[in-house]
């Protein structure tokens, strides 16, 4: 099986992870504005966490 290696920017990875988080969350009772606000908040937190790991070897 072929292995796919992607080198995403921190911002791109934060967007993908935030979208995945929101996809798995139940949003049936939330307004579009609340959903957008939560998405931006989650994306910013993920980006900050990824930025803090930048250069750290795991």
Protein backbone atom coordinates (compact mmCIF):
# COMPACT_ATOMS: atom_id res chain seq x y z
CA UNK A 1 0.00 0.00 0.00
CA UNK A 2 1.34 3.42 -0.90
CA UNK A 3 2.12 5.75 1.96
CA UNK A 4 0.93 9.34 1.68
CA UNK A 5 3.06 11.96 3.40
CA UNK A 6 1.74 15.49 3.46
CA UNK A 7 3.55 18.53 4.76
CA UNK A 8 0.77 20.95 5.63
CA UNK A 9 1.32 24.41 6.99
CA UNK A 10 0.30 24.95 10.60
CA UNK A 11 -2.66 27.06 9.46
CA UNK A 12 -3.84 24.41 6.99
CA UNK A 13 -3.54 21.63 9.55
CA UNK A 14 -5.43 23.71 12.13
CA UNK A 15 -8.24 24.28 9.62
CA UNK A 16 -8.48 20.58 8.80
CA UNK A 17 -8.51 19.54 12.46
CA UNK A 18 -11.09 22.19 13.38
CA UNK A 19 -13.33 21.09 10.51
CA UNK A 20 -13.04 17.46 11.61
CA UNK A 21 -13.91 18.46 15.18
CA UNK A 22 -16.96 20.38 14.01
CA UNK A 23 -18.01 17.53 11.70
CA UNK A 24 -18.19 15.13 14.64
CA UNK A 25 -20.06 17.55 16.88
CA UNK A 26 -23.85 17.68 17.08
CA UNK A 27 -24.86 21.14 15.81
CA UNK A 28 -28.61 20.71 15.43
CA UNK A 29 -29.60 23.40 17.94
CA UNK A 30 -26.84 25.90 17.18
CA UNK A 31 -27.30 29.02 15.08
CA UNK A 32 -24.98 29.54 12.10
CA UNK A 33 -23.32 32.42 13.96
CA UNK A 34 -22.64 30.20 16.99
CA UNK A 35 -21.22 27.46 14.76
CA UNK A 36 -18.93 29.94 12.98
CA UNK A 37 -17.80 31.46 16.29
CA UNK A 38 -17.03 28.03 17.77
CA UNK A 39 -15.18 26.94 14.61
CA UNK A 40 -12.96 30.05 14.73
CA UNK A 41 -12.27 29.52 18.44
CA UNK A 42 -11.36 25.84 17.95
CA UNK A 43 -9.20 26.66 14.92
CA UNK A 44 -7.31 29.35 16.86
CA UNK A 45 -6.70 27.02 19.82
CA UNK A 46 -5.45 24.23 17.56
CA UNK A 47 -3.19 26.64 15.66
CA UNK A 48 -1.75 27.95 18.94
CA UNK A 49 -1.10 24.40 20.13
CA UNK A 50 0.57 23.46 16.84
CA UNK A 51 2.65 26.66 16.89
CA UNK A 52 3.85 25.83 20.39
CA UNK A 53 4.99 22.41 19.13
CA UNK A 54 6.79 23.90 16.13
CA UNK A 55 10.36 22.69 16.32
CA UNK A 56 9.69 20.18 19.11
CA UNK A 57 10.64 16.63 18.21
CA UNK A 58 7.95 14.15 19.19
